[in-house]
Amino acid sequence: MEKIPFIRLWDIYKGLLTPTQQEITDMYFNLDLTPSEIADEKGITRQAVSECLKTCKKQLEEYEEKVGISKRLNDFSLSVSLAATEIKAWAEEFSSSNPAFKAECDKLVQIITAL
């Protein structure tokens, strides 16, 4: 299972998984354990771990398909990034033509950069 796309989904939707699913996926995603290592740790078969991970992957995808929080967060982040870029460009242009406001524009750029 490719981990990267599912880490964000796991962060968002892990509360909807069972405690056992949460524990196994936490070991897999956050502790970076292999299914064999998880099986040894939990005292279950590697197949059981693989099935759990497969089921969780499917559930996470279904939750995202129905609720769409990850997509909304991505869209929001993109909007904020685009707005920040426009604000920085405006502040730099404004401070060039209005040197008296350079300190304020620099402060605005610092605030926007911190986002």
PDB file of N, CA and C in Angstrom:
ATOM      1  N   MET A   1       0.858  -1.181   0.000  1.00  0.00           N
ATOM      2  CA  MET A   1       0.000   0.000   0.000  1.00  0.00           C
ATOM      3  C   MET A   1       0.896   1.234   0.000  1.00  0.00           C
ATOM      4  N   GLU A   2       0.631   2.129  -0.915  1.00  0.00           N
ATOM      5  CA  GLU A   2       1.340   3.409  -0.944  1.00  0.00           C
ATOM      6  C   GLU A   2       0.858   4.229   0.246  1.00  0.00           C
ATOM      7  N   LYS A   3       1.773   4.607   1.116  1.00  0.00           N
ATOM      8  CA  LYS A   3       1.402   5.241   2.379  1.00  0.00           C
ATOM      9  C   LYS A   3       1.021   6.711   2.258  1.00  0.00           C
ATOM     10  N   ILE A   4       1.734   7.458   1.459  1.00  0.00           N
ATOM     11  CA  ILE A   4       1.614   8.916   1.483  1.00  0.00           C
ATOM     12  C   ILE A   4       0.177   9.420   1.283  1.00  0.00           C
ATOM     13  N   PRO A   5      -0.560   8.975   0.269  1.00  0.00           N
ATOM     14  CA  PRO A   5      -1.920   9.514   0.121  1.00  0.00           C
ATOM     15  C   PRO A   5      -2.833   9.169   1.292  1.00  0.00           C
ATOM     16  N   PHE A   6      -2.516   8.085   1.984  1.00  0.00           N
ATOM     17  CA  PHE A   6      -3.411   7.635   3.042  1.00  0.00           C
ATOM     18  C   PHE A   6      -3.077   8.213   4.403  1.00  0.00           C
ATOM     19  N   ILE A   7      -1.911   8.767   4.563  1.00  0.00           N
ATOM     20  CA  ILE A   7      -1.566   9.359   5.858  1.00  0.00           C
ATOM     21  C   ILE A   7      -2.499  10.528   6.154  1.00  0.00           C
ATOM     22  N   ARG A   8      -2.742  11.360   5.163  1.00  0.00           N
ATOM     23  CA  ARG A   8      -3.649  12.497   5.392  1.00  0.00           C
ATOM     24  C   ARG A   8      -5.070  12.011   5.654  1.00  0.00           C
ATOM     25  N   LEU A   9      -5.516  11.033   4.862  1.00  0.00           N
ATOM     26  CA  LEU A   9      -6.848  10.483   5.101  1.00  0.00           C
ATOM     27  C   LEU A   9      -6.932   9.865   6.490  1.00  0.00           C
ATOM     28  N   TRP A  10      -5.872   9.179   6.898  1.00  0.00           N
ATOM     29  CA  TRP A  10      -5.835   8.566   8.225  1.00  0.00           C
ATOM     30  C   TRP A  10      -5.915   9.643   9.305  1.00  0.00           C
ATOM     31  N   ASP A  11      -5.172  10.711   9.131  1.00  0.00           N
ATOM     32  CA  ASP A  11      -5.210  11.809  10.106  1.00  0.00           C
ATOM     33  C   ASP A  11      -6.622  12.375  10.252  1.00  0.00           C
ATOM     34  N   ILE A  12      -7.339  12.458   9.155  1.00  0.00           N
ATOM     35  CA  ILE A  12      -8.674  13.049   9.170  1.00  0.00           C
ATOM     36  C   ILE A  12      -9.728  12.076   9.697  1.00  0.00           C
ATOM     37  N   TYR A  13      -9.679  10.837   9.227  1.00  0.00           N
ATOM     38  CA  TYR A  13     -10.783   9.905   9.473  1.00  0.00           C
ATOM     39  C   TYR A  13     -10.469   8.775  10.458  1.00  0.00           C
ATOM     40  N   LYS A  14      -9.306   8.754  11.087  1.00  0.00           N
ATOM     41  CA  LYS A  14      -8.948   7.622  11.953  1.00  0.00           C
ATOM     42  C   LYS A  14      -9.965   7.396  13.074  1.00  0.00           C
ATOM     43  N   GLY A  15     -10.619   8.437  13.527  1.00  0.00           N
ATOM     44  CA  GLY A  15     -11.617   8.299  14.583  1.00  0.00           C
ATOM     45  C   GLY A  15     -12.810   7.456  14.180  1.00  0.00           C
ATOM     46  N   LEU A  16     -12.986   7.221  12.877  1.00  0.00           N
ATOM     47  CA  LEU A  16     -14.088   6.406  12.396  1.00  0.00           C
ATOM     48  C   LEU A  16     -13.714   4.929  12.295  1.00  0.00           C
ATOM     49  N   LEU A  17     -12.435   4.631  12.510  1.00  0.00           N
ATOM     50  CA  LEU A  17     -11.972   3.239  12.493  1.00  0.00           C
ATOM     51  C   LEU A  17     -12.159   2.626  13.878  1.00  0.00           C
ATOM     52  N   THR A  18     -12.189   1.304  13.936  1.00  0.00           N
ATOM     53  CA  THR A  18     -12.272   0.624  15.227  1.00  0.00           C
ATOM     54  C   THR A  18     -10.955   0.817  15.979  1.00  0.00           C
ATOM     55  N   PRO A  19     -10.953   0.614  17.291  1.00  0.00           N
ATOM     56  CA  PRO A  19      -9.690   0.745  18.041  1.00  0.00           C
ATOM     57  C   PRO A  19      -8.575  -0.161  17.497  1.00  0.00           C
ATOM     58  N   THR A  20      -8.924  -1.381  17.112  1.00  0.00           N
ATOM     59  CA  THR A  20      -7.911  -2.296  16.561  1.00  0.00           C
ATOM     60  C   THR A  20      -7.394  -1.770  15.230  1.00  0.00           C
ATOM     61  N   GLN A  21      -8.292  -1.305  14.374  1.00  0.00           N
ATOM     62  CA  GLN A  21      -7.871  -0.737  13.095  1.00  0.00           C
ATOM     63  C   GLN A  21      -6.986   0.492  13.321  1.00  0.00           C
ATOM     64  N   GLN A  22      -7.360   1.325  14.284  1.00  0.00           N
ATOM     65  CA  GLN A  22      -6.548   2.507  14.589  1.00  0.00           C
ATOM     66  C   GLN A  22      -5.145   2.102  15.033  1.00  0.00           C
ATOM     67  N   GLU A  23      -5.060   1.109  15.889  1.00  0.00           N
ATOM     68  CA  GLU A  23      -3.758   0.678  16.393  1.00  0.00           C
ATOM     69  C   GLU A  23      -2.880   0.110  15.277  1.00  0.00           C
ATOM     70  N   ILE A  24      -3.449  -0.744  14.449  1.00  0.00           N
ATOM     71  CA  ILE A  24      -2.670  -1.354  13.366  1.00  0.00           C
ATOM     72  C   ILE A  24      -2.248  -0.299  12.343  1.00  0.00           C
ATOM     73  N   THR A  25      -3.168   0.578  11.969  1.00  0.00           N
ATOM     74  CA  THR A  25      -2.802   1.605  10.992  1.00  0.00           C
ATOM     75  C   THR A  25      -1.822   2.617  11.582  1.00  0.00           C
ATOM     76  N   ASP A  26      -1.926   2.890  12.878  1.00  0.00           N
ATOM     77  CA  ASP A  26      -0.955   3.769  13.530  1.00  0.00           C
ATOM     78  C   ASP A  26       0.438   3.150  13.474  1.00  0.00           C
ATOM     79  N   MET A  27       0.515   1.869  13.758  1.00  0.00           N
ATOM     80  CA  MET A  27       1.813   1.176  13.698  1.00  0.00           C
ATOM     81  C   MET A  27       2.371   1.213  12.284  1.00  0.00           C
ATOM     82  N   TYR A  28       1.499   1.086  11.309  1.00  0.00           N
ATOM     83  CA  TYR A  28       1.925   1.067   9.915  1.00  0.00           C
ATOM     84  C   TYR A  28       2.319   2.458   9.407  1.00  0.00           C
ATOM     85  N   PHE A  29       1.429   3.436   9.624  1.00  0.00           N
ATOM     86  CA  PHE A  29       1.674   4.777   9.095  1.00  0.00           C
ATOM     87  C   PHE A  29       2.689   5.568   9.909  1.00  0.00           C
ATOM     88  N   ASN A  30       2.555   5.558  11.221  1.00  0.00           N
ATOM     89  CA  ASN A  30       3.369   6.444  12.060  1.00  0.00           C
ATOM     90  C   ASN A  30       4.635   5.799  12.603  1.00  0.00           C
ATOM     91  N   LEU A  31       4.569   4.516  12.910  1.00  0.00           N
ATOM     92  CA  LEU A  31       5.768   3.840  13.419  1.00  0.00           C
ATOM     93  C   LEU A  31       6.559   3.183  12.294  1.00  0.00           C
ATOM     94  N   ASP A  32       5.981   3.195  11.090  1.00  0.00           N
ATOM     95  CA  ASP A  32       6.619   2.669   9.883  1.00  0.00           C
ATOM     96  C   ASP A  32       7.004   1.193  10.028  1.00  0.00           C
ATOM     97  N   LEU A  33       6.145   0.432  10.709  1.00  0.00           N
ATOM     98  CA  LEU A  33       6.380  -1.000  10.847  1.00  0.00           C
ATOM     99  C   LEU A  33       5.828  -1.735   9.629  1.00  0.00           C
ATOM    100  N   THR A  34       6.448  -2.830   9.274  1.00  0.00           N
ATOM    101  CA  THR A  34       5.954  -3.660   8.173  1.00  0.00           C
ATOM    102  C   THR A  34       4.799  -4.513   8.682  1.00  0.00           C
ATOM    103  N   PRO A  35       3.995  -5.042   7.777  1.00  0.00           N
ATOM    104  CA  PRO A  35       2.930  -5.952   8.222  1.00  0.00           C
ATOM    105  C   PRO A  35       3.465  -7.126   9.050  1.00  0.00           C
ATOM    106  N   SER A  36       4.621  -7.654   8.689  1.00  0.00           N
ATOM    107  CA  SER A  36       5.217  -8.754   9.464  1.00  0.00           C
ATOM    108  C   SER A  36       5.577  -8.307  10.879  1.00  0.00           C
ATOM    109  N   GLU A  37       6.148  -7.122  10.999  1.00  0.00           N
ATOM    110  CA  GLU A  37       6.504  -6.601  12.325  1.00  0.00           C
ATOM    111  C   GLU A  37       5.255  -6.347  13.170  1.00  0.00           C
ATOM    112  N   ILE A  38       4.209  -5.825  12.538  1.00  0.00           N
ATOM    113  CA  ILE A  38       2.956  -5.588  13.252  1.00  0.00           C
ATOM    114  C   ILE A  38       2.359  -6.911  13.715  1.00  0.00           C
ATOM    115  N   ALA A  39       2.382  -7.900  12.831  1.00  0.00           N
ATOM    116  CA  ALA A  39       1.847  -9.223  13.170  1.00  0.00           C
ATOM    117  C   ALA A  39       2.581  -9.798  14.376  1.00  0.00           C
ATOM    118  N   ASP A  40       3.899  -9.701  14.390  1.00  0.00           N
ATOM    119  CA  ASP A  40       4.688 -10.192  15.520  1.00  0.00           C
ATOM    120  C   ASP A  40       4.330  -9.443  16.796  1.00  0.00           C
ATOM    121  N   GLU A  41       4.200  -8.134  16.692  1.00  0.00           N
ATOM    122  CA  GLU A  41       3.883  -7.292  17.855  1.00  0.00           C
ATOM    123  C   GLU A  41       2.497  -7.606  18.417  1.00  0.00           C
ATOM    124  N   LYS A  42       1.543  -7.821  17.527  1.00  0.00           N
ATOM    125  CA  LYS A  42       0.151  -8.046  17.936  1.00  0.00           C
ATOM    126  C   LYS A  42      -0.165  -9.522  18.197  1.00  0.00           C
ATOM    127  N   GLY A  43       0.712 -10.408  17.786  1.00  0.00           N
ATOM    128  CA  GLY A  43       0.451 -11.833  17.963  1.00  0.00           C
ATOM    129  C   GLY A  43      -0.624 -12.360  17.027  1.00  0.00           C
ATOM    130  N   ILE A  44      -0.666 -11.798  15.826  1.00  0.00           N
ATOM    131  CA  ILE A  44      -1.625 -12.234  14.805  1.00  0.00           C
ATOM    132  C   ILE A  44      -0.859 -12.557  13.533  1.00  0.00           C
ATOM    133  N   THR A  45      -1.561 -13.054  12.537  1.00  0.00           N
ATOM    134  CA  THR A  45      -0.880 -13.415  11.285  1.00  0.00           C
ATOM    135  C   THR A  45      -0.609 -12.177  10.434  1.00  0.00           C
ATOM    136  N   ARG A  46       0.377 -12.316   9.578  1.00  0.00           N
ATOM    137  CA  ARG A  46       0.695 -11.252   8.629  1.00  0.00           C
ATOM    138  C   ARG A  46      -0.505 -11.018   7.713  1.00  0.00           C
ATOM    139  N   GLN A  47      -1.181 -12.104   7.353  1.00  0.00           N
ATOM    140  CA  GLN A  47      -2.370 -12.015   6.501  1.00  0.00           C
ATOM    141  C   GLN A  47      -3.457 -11.172   7.171  1.00  0.00           C
ATOM    142  N   ALA A  48      -3.644 -11.341   8.480  1.00  0.00           N
ATOM    143  CA  ALA A  48      -4.653 -10.557   9.201  1.00  0.00           C
ATOM    144  C   ALA A  48      -4.303  -9.075   9.164  1.00  0.00           C
ATOM    145  N   VAL A  49      -3.022  -8.766   9.318  1.00  0.00           N
ATOM    146  CA  VAL A  49      -2.578  -7.372   9.263  1.00  0.00           C
ATOM    147  C   VAL A  49      -2.805  -6.815   7.860  1.00  0.00           C
ATOM    148  N   SER A  50      -2.422  -7.576   6.850  1.00  0.00           N
ATOM    149  CA  SER A  50      -2.596  -7.128   5.465  1.00  0.00           C
ATOM    150  C   SER A  50      -4.063  -6.898   5.135  1.00  0.00           C
ATOM    151  N   GLU A  51      -4.925  -7.796   5.598  1.00  0.00           N
ATOM    152  CA  GLU A  51      -6.365  -7.638   5.372  1.00  0.00           C
ATOM    153  C   GLU A  51      -6.907  -6.397   6.092  1.00  0.00           C
ATOM    154  N   CYS A  52      -6.437  -6.183   7.319  1.00  0.00           N
ATOM    155  CA  CYS A  52      -6.857  -5.002   8.071  1.00  0.00           C
ATOM    156  C   CYS A  52      -6.441  -3.728   7.334  1.00  0.00           C
ATOM    157  N   LEU A  53      -5.203  -3.677   6.872  1.00  0.00           N
ATOM    158  CA  LEU A  53      -4.714  -2.496   6.151  1.00  0.00           C
ATOM    159  C   LEU A  53      -5.494  -2.285   4.858  1.00  0.00           C
ATOM    160  N   LYS A  54      -5.790  -3.365   4.153  1.00  0.00           N
ATOM    161  CA  LYS A  54      -6.551  -3.275   2.910  1.00  0.00           C
ATOM    162  C   LYS A  54      -7.963  -2.748   3.189  1.00  0.00           C
ATOM    163  N   THR A  55      -8.595  -3.279   4.229  1.00  0.00           N
ATOM    164  CA  THR A  55      -9.937  -2.837   4.604  1.00  0.00           C
ATOM    165  C   THR A  55      -9.925  -1.370   5.007  1.00  0.00           C
ATOM    166  N   CYS A  56      -8.931  -0.986   5.801  1.00  0.00           N
ATOM    167  CA  CYS A  56      -8.838   0.410   6.251  1.00  0.00           C
ATOM    168  C   CYS A  56      -8.611   1.350   5.081  1.00  0.00           C
ATOM    169  N   LYS A  57      -7.767   0.942   4.151  1.00  0.00           N
ATOM    170  CA  LYS A  57      -7.522   1.770   2.964  1.00  0.00           C
ATOM    171  C   LYS A  57      -8.836   2.012   2.226  1.00  0.00           C
ATOM    172  N   LYS A  58      -9.611   0.943   2.054  1.00  0.00           N
ATOM    173  CA  LYS A  58     -10.892   1.065   1.366  1.00  0.00           C
ATOM    174  C   LYS A  58     -11.842   1.971   2.148  1.00  0.00           C
ATOM    175  N   GLN A  59     -11.890   1.792   3.469  1.00  0.00           N
ATOM    176  CA  GLN A  59     -12.764   2.627   4.291  1.00  0.00           C
ATOM    177  C   GLN A  59     -12.363   4.092   4.213  1.00  0.00           C
ATOM    178  N   LEU A  60     -11.067   4.372   4.310  1.00  0.00           N
ATOM    179  CA  LEU A  60     -10.595   5.756   4.241  1.00  0.00           C
ATOM    180  C   LEU A  60     -10.975   6.402   2.910  1.00  0.00           C
ATOM    181  N   GLU A  61     -10.814   5.640   1.836  1.00  0.00           N
ATOM    182  CA  GLU A  61     -11.190   6.155   0.512  1.00  0.00           C
ATOM    183  C   GLU A  61     -12.698   6.424   0.441  1.00  0.00           C
ATOM    184  N   GLU A  62     -13.495   5.524   1.014  1.00  0.00           N
ATOM    185  CA  GLU A  62     -14.947   5.707   1.004  1.00  0.00           C
ATOM    186  C   GLU A  62     -15.362   6.916   1.836  1.00  0.00           C
ATOM    187  N   TYR A  63     -14.728   7.087   2.994  1.00  0.00           N
ATOM    188  CA  TYR A  63     -15.036   8.255   3.825  1.00  0.00           C
ATOM    189  C   TYR A  63     -14.726   9.542   3.065  1.00  0.00           C
ATOM    190  N   GLU A  64     -13.575   9.569   2.408  1.00  0.00           N
ATOM    191  CA  GLU A  64     -13.199  10.771   1.665  1.00  0.00           C
ATOM    192  C   GLU A  64     -14.164  11.003   0.503  1.00  0.00           C
ATOM    193  N   GLU A  65     -14.564   9.931  -0.169  1.00  0.00           N
ATOM    194  CA  GLU A  65     -15.501  10.060  -1.283  1.00  0.00           C
ATOM    195  C   GLU A  65     -16.832  10.642  -0.809  1.00  0.00           C
ATOM    196  N   LYS A  66     -17.280  10.221   0.361  1.00  0.00           N
ATOM    197  CA  LYS A  66     -18.568  10.683   0.882  1.00  0.00           C
ATOM    198  C   LYS A  66     -18.489  12.058   1.530  1.00  0.00           C
ATOM    199  N   VAL A  67     -17.420  12.311   2.286  1.00  0.00           N
ATOM    200  CA  VAL A  67     -17.332  13.535   3.077  1.00  0.00           C
ATOM    201  C   VAL A  67     -16.473  14.599   2.400  1.00  0.00           C
ATOM    202  N   GLY A  68     -15.350  14.200   1.822  1.00  0.00           N
ATOM    203  CA  GLY A  68     -14.509  15.108   1.052  1.00  0.00           C
ATOM    204  C   GLY A  68     -13.700  16.126   1.840  1.00  0.00           C
ATOM    205  N   ILE A  69     -13.400  15.833   3.093  1.00  0.00           N
ATOM    206  CA  ILE A  69     -12.653  16.803   3.906  1.00  0.00           C
ATOM    207  C   ILE A  69     -11.252  17.045   3.348  1.00  0.00           C
ATOM    208  N   SER A  70     -10.567  15.995   2.943  1.00  0.00           N
ATOM    209  CA  SER A  70      -9.206  16.169   2.423  1.00  0.00           C
ATOM    210  C   SER A  70      -9.199  17.051   1.179  1.00  0.00           C
ATOM    211  N   LYS A  71     -10.137  16.827   0.285  1.00  0.00           N
ATOM    212  CA  LYS A  71     -10.220  17.663  -0.924  1.00  0.00           C
ATOM    213  C   LYS A  71     -10.502  19.109  -0.555  1.00  0.00           C
ATOM    214  N   ARG A  72     -11.415  19.308   0.388  1.00  0.00           N
ATOM    215  CA  ARG A  72     -11.729  20.671   0.810  1.00  0.00           C
ATOM    216  C   ARG A  72     -10.515  21.354   1.432  1.00  0.00           C
ATOM    217  N   LEU A  73      -9.772  20.604   2.240  1.00  0.00           N
ATOM    218  CA  LEU A  73      -8.555  21.169   2.841  1.00  0.00           C
ATOM    219  C   LEU A  73      -7.525  21.507   1.776  1.00  0.00           C
ATOM    220  N   ASN A  74      -7.376  20.635   0.784  1.00  0.00           N
ATOM    221  CA  ASN A  74      -6.440  20.912  -0.316  1.00  0.00           C
ATOM    222  C   ASN A  74      -6.866  22.156  -1.095  1.00  0.00           C
ATOM    223  N   ASP A  75      -8.170  22.247  -1.397  1.00  0.00           N
ATOM    224  CA  ASP A  75      -8.684  23.409  -2.126  1.00  0.00           C
ATOM    225  C   ASP A  75      -8.472  24.691  -1.323  1.00  0.00           C
ATOM    226  N   PHE A  76      -8.747  24.616  -0.014  1.00  0.00           N
ATOM    227  CA  PHE A  76      -8.572  25.785   0.854  1.00  0.00           C
ATOM    228  C   PHE A  76      -7.105  26.194   0.908  1.00  0.00           C
ATOM    229  N   SER A  77      -6.207  25.213   1.063  1.00  0.00           N
ATOM    230  CA  SER A  77      -4.770  25.509   1.113  1.00  0.00           C
ATOM    231  C   SER A  77      -4.302  26.173  -0.173  1.00  0.00           C
ATOM    232  N   LEU A  78      -4.792  25.692  -1.293  1.00  0.00           N
ATOM    233  CA  LEU A  78      -4.432  26.290  -2.580  1.00  0.00           C
ATOM    234  C   LEU A  78      -4.939  27.725  -2.661  1.00  0.00           C
ATOM    235  N   SER A  79      -6.165  27.958  -2.218  1.00  0.00           N
ATOM    236  CA  SER A  79      -6.720  29.314  -2.237  1.00  0.00           C
ATOM    237  C   SER A  79      -5.912  30.261  -1.358  1.00  0.00           C
ATOM    238  N   VAL A  80      -5.547  29.799  -0.174  1.00  0.00           N
ATOM    239  CA  VAL A  80      -4.750  30.620   0.739  1.00  0.00           C
ATOM    240  C   VAL A  80      -3.384  30.911   0.121  1.00  0.00           C
ATOM    241  N   SER A  81      -2.785  29.910  -0.484  1.00  0.00           N
ATOM    242  CA  SER A  81      -1.472  30.096  -1.113  1.00  0.00           C
ATOM    243  C   SER A  81      -1.539  31.113  -2.250  1.00  0.00           C
ATOM    244  N   LEU A  82      -2.560  31.006  -3.079  1.00  0.00           N
ATOM    245  CA  LEU A  82      -2.715  31.968  -4.180  1.00  0.00           C
ATOM    246  C   LEU A  82      -2.957  33.377  -3.659  1.00  0.00           C
ATOM    247  N   ALA A  83      -3.793  33.496  -2.639  1.00  0.00           N
ATOM    248  CA  ALA A  83      -4.060  34.815  -2.057  1.00  0.00           C
ATOM    249  C   ALA A  83      -2.792  35.389  -1.439  1.00  0.00           C
ATOM    250  N   ALA A  84      -2.027  34.565  -0.746  1.00  0.00           N
ATOM    251  CA  ALA A  84      -0.790  35.023  -0.121  1.00  0.00           C
ATOM    252  C   ALA A  84       0.200  35.521  -1.177  1.00  0.00           C
ATOM    253  N   THR A  85       0.287  34.811  -2.281  1.00  0.00           N
ATOM    254  CA  THR A  85       1.186  35.228  -3.367  1.00  0.00           C
ATOM    255  C   THR A  85       0.762  36.588  -3.920  1.00  0.00           C
ATOM    256  N   GLU A  86      -0.536  36.766  -4.114  1.00  0.00           N
ATOM    257  CA  GLU A  86      -1.035  38.052  -4.619  1.00  0.00           C
ATOM    258  C   GLU A  86      -0.809  39.178  -3.617  1.00  0.00           C
ATOM    259  N   ILE A  87      -1.022  38.901  -2.344  1.00  0.00           N
ATOM    260  CA  ILE A  87      -0.819  39.927  -1.309  1.00  0.00           C
ATOM    261  C   ILE A  87       0.651  40.327  -1.238  1.00  0.00           C
ATOM    262  N   LYS A  88       1.545  39.341  -1.286  1.00  0.00           N
ATOM    263  CA  LYS A  88       2.981  39.650  -1.252  1.00  0.00           C
ATOM    264  C   LYS A  88       3.380  40.517  -2.440  1.00  0.00           C
ATOM    265  N   ALA A  89       2.898  40.149  -3.628  1.00  0.00           N
ATOM    266  CA  ALA A  89       3.233  40.931  -4.829  1.00  0.00           C
ATOM    267  C   ALA A  89       2.705  42.355  -4.703  1.00  0.00           C
ATOM    268  N   TRP A  90       1.463  42.479  -4.211  1.00  0.00           N
ATOM    269  CA  TRP A  90       0.890  43.804  -4.024  1.00  0.00           C
ATOM    270  C   TRP A  90       1.706  44.606  -3.015  1.00  0.00           C
ATOM    271  N   ALA A  91       2.070  44.003  -1.877  1.00  0.00           N
ATOM    272  CA  ALA A  91       2.809  44.704  -0.826  1.00  0.00           C
ATOM    273  C   ALA A  91       4.171  45.170  -1.335  1.00  0.00           C
ATOM    274  N   GLU A  92       4.838  44.312  -2.104  1.00  0.00           N
ATOM    275  CA  GLU A  92       6.145  44.699  -2.641  1.00  0.00           C
ATOM    276  C   GLU A  92       6.010  45.844  -3.632  1.00  0.00           C
ATOM    277  N   GLU A  93       5.008  45.779  -4.490  1.00  0.00           N
ATOM    278  CA  GLU A  93       4.790  46.849  -5.461  1.00  0.00           C
ATOM    279  C   GLU A  93       4.389  48.148  -4.758  1.00  0.00           C
ATOM    280  N   PHE A  94       3.492  48.039  -3.780  1.00  0.00           N
ATOM    281  CA  PHE A  94       3.029  49.214  -3.055  1.00  0.00           C
ATOM    282  C   PHE A  94       4.168  49.875  -2.289  1.00  0.00           C
ATOM    283  N   SER A  95       5.000  49.064  -1.633  1.00  0.00           N
ATOM    284  CA  SER A  95       6.100  49.652  -0.862  1.00  0.00           C
ATOM    285  C   SER A  95       7.142  50.298  -1.768  1.00  0.00           C
ATOM    286  N   SER A  96       7.284  49.795  -2.992  1.00  0.00           N
ATOM    287  CA  SER A  96       8.216  50.410  -3.941  1.00  0.00           C
ATOM    288  C   SER A  96       7.749  51.793  -4.358  1.00  0.00           C
ATOM    289  N   SER A  97       6.438  51.919  -4.566  1.00  0.00           N
ATOM    290  CA  SER A  97       5.918  53.215  -5.001  1.00  0.00           C
ATOM    291  C   SER A  97       5.522  54.118  -3.832  1.00  0.00           C
ATOM    292  N   ASN A  98       5.504  53.572  -2.615  1.00  0.00           N
ATOM    293  CA  ASN A  98       5.152  54.343  -1.413  1.00  0.00           C
ATOM    294  C   ASN A  98       6.130  54.001  -0.289  1.00  0.00           C
ATOM    295  N   PRO A  99       7.370  54.486  -0.394  1.00  0.00           N
ATOM    296  CA  PRO A  99       8.411  54.113   0.575  1.00  0.00           C
ATOM    297  C   PRO A  99       8.043  54.414   2.032  1.00  0.00           C
ATOM    298  N   ALA A 100       7.156  55.338   2.266  1.00  0.00           N
ATOM    299  CA  ALA A 100       6.764  55.674   3.635  1.00  0.00           C
ATOM    300  C   ALA A 100       6.056  54.490   4.312  1.00  0.00           C
ATOM    301  N   PHE A 101       5.525  53.586   3.504  1.00  0.00           N
ATOM    302  CA  PHE A 101       4.785  52.435   4.054  1.00  0.00           C
ATOM    303  C   PHE A 101       5.584  51.124   3.964  1.00  0.00           C
ATOM    304  N   LYS A 102       6.885  51.237   3.695  1.00  0.00           N
ATOM    305  CA  LYS A 102       7.702  50.035   3.537  1.00  0.00           C
ATOM    306  C   LYS A 102       7.675  49.150   4.775  1.00  0.00           C
ATOM    307  N   ALA A 103       7.800  49.723   5.961  1.00  0.00           N
ATOM    308  CA  ALA A 103       7.810  48.921   7.198  1.00  0.00           C
ATOM    309  C   ALA A 103       6.496  48.160   7.360  1.00  0.00           C
ATOM    310  N   GLU A 104       5.379  48.825   7.081  1.00  0.00           N
ATOM    311  CA  GLU A 104       4.078  48.179   7.210  1.00  0.00           C
ATOM    312  C   GLU A 104       3.914  47.064   6.175  1.00  0.00           C
ATOM    313  N   CYS A 105       4.386  47.339   4.959  1.00  0.00           N
ATOM    314  CA  CYS A 105       4.304  46.324   3.904  1.00  0.00           C
ATOM    315  C   CYS A 105       5.190  45.126   4.227  1.00  0.00           C
ATOM    316  N   ASP A 106       6.381  45.395   4.770  1.00  0.00           N
ATOM    317  CA  ASP A 106       7.270  44.295   5.169  1.00  0.00           C
ATOM    318  C   ASP A 106       6.626  43.446   6.262  1.00  0.00           C
ATOM    319  N   LYS A 107       5.956  44.115   7.198  1.00  0.00           N
ATOM    320  CA  LYS A 107       5.274  43.385   8.261  1.00  0.00           C
ATOM    321  C   LYS A 107       4.137  42.537   7.684  1.00  0.00           C
ATOM    322  N   LEU A 108       3.393  43.079   6.732  1.00  0.00           N
ATOM    323  CA  LEU A 108       2.328  42.334   6.073  1.00  0.00           C
ATOM    324  C   LEU A 108       2.895  41.095   5.376  1.00  0.00           C
ATOM    325  N   VAL A 109       3.997  41.258   4.677  1.00  0.00           N
ATOM    326  CA  VAL A 109       4.636  40.123   4.009  1.00  0.00           C
ATOM    327  C   VAL A 109       5.070  39.069   5.024  1.00  0.00           C
ATOM    328  N   GLN A 110       5.603  39.487   6.158  1.00  0.00           N
ATOM    329  CA  GLN A 110       5.991  38.534   7.212  1.00  0.00           C
ATOM    330  C   GLN A 110       4.783  37.758   7.715  1.00  0.00           C
ATOM    331  N   ILE A 111       3.681  38.440   7.927  1.00  0.00           N
ATOM    332  CA  ILE A 111       2.462  37.787   8.412  1.00  0.00           C
ATOM    333  C   ILE A 111       1.969  36.777   7.381  1.00  0.00           C
ATOM    334  N   ILE A 112       1.925  37.178   6.129  1.00  0.00           N
ATOM    335  CA  ILE A 112       1.439  36.302   5.063  1.00  0.00           C
ATOM    336  C   ILE A 112       2.373  35.105   4.887  1.00  0.00           C
ATOM    337  N   THR A 113       3.661  35.331   5.006  1.00  0.00           N
ATOM    338  CA  THR A 113       4.636  34.243   4.859  1.00  0.00           C
ATOM    339  C   THR A 113       4.469  33.217   5.980  1.00  0.00           C
ATOM    340  N   ALA A 114       4.052  33.661   7.150  1.00  0.00           N
ATOM    341  CA  ALA A 114       3.877  32.753   8.290  1.00  0.00           C
ATOM    342  C   ALA A 114       2.678  31.826   8.094  1.00  0.00           C
ATOM    343  N   LEU A 115       1.780  32.169   7.181  1.00  0.00           N
ATOM    344  CA  LEU A 115       0.630  31.290   6.915  1.00  0.00           C
ATOM    345  C   LEU A 115       1.123  30.052   6.256  1.00  0.00           C
TER     346      LEU A 115
END
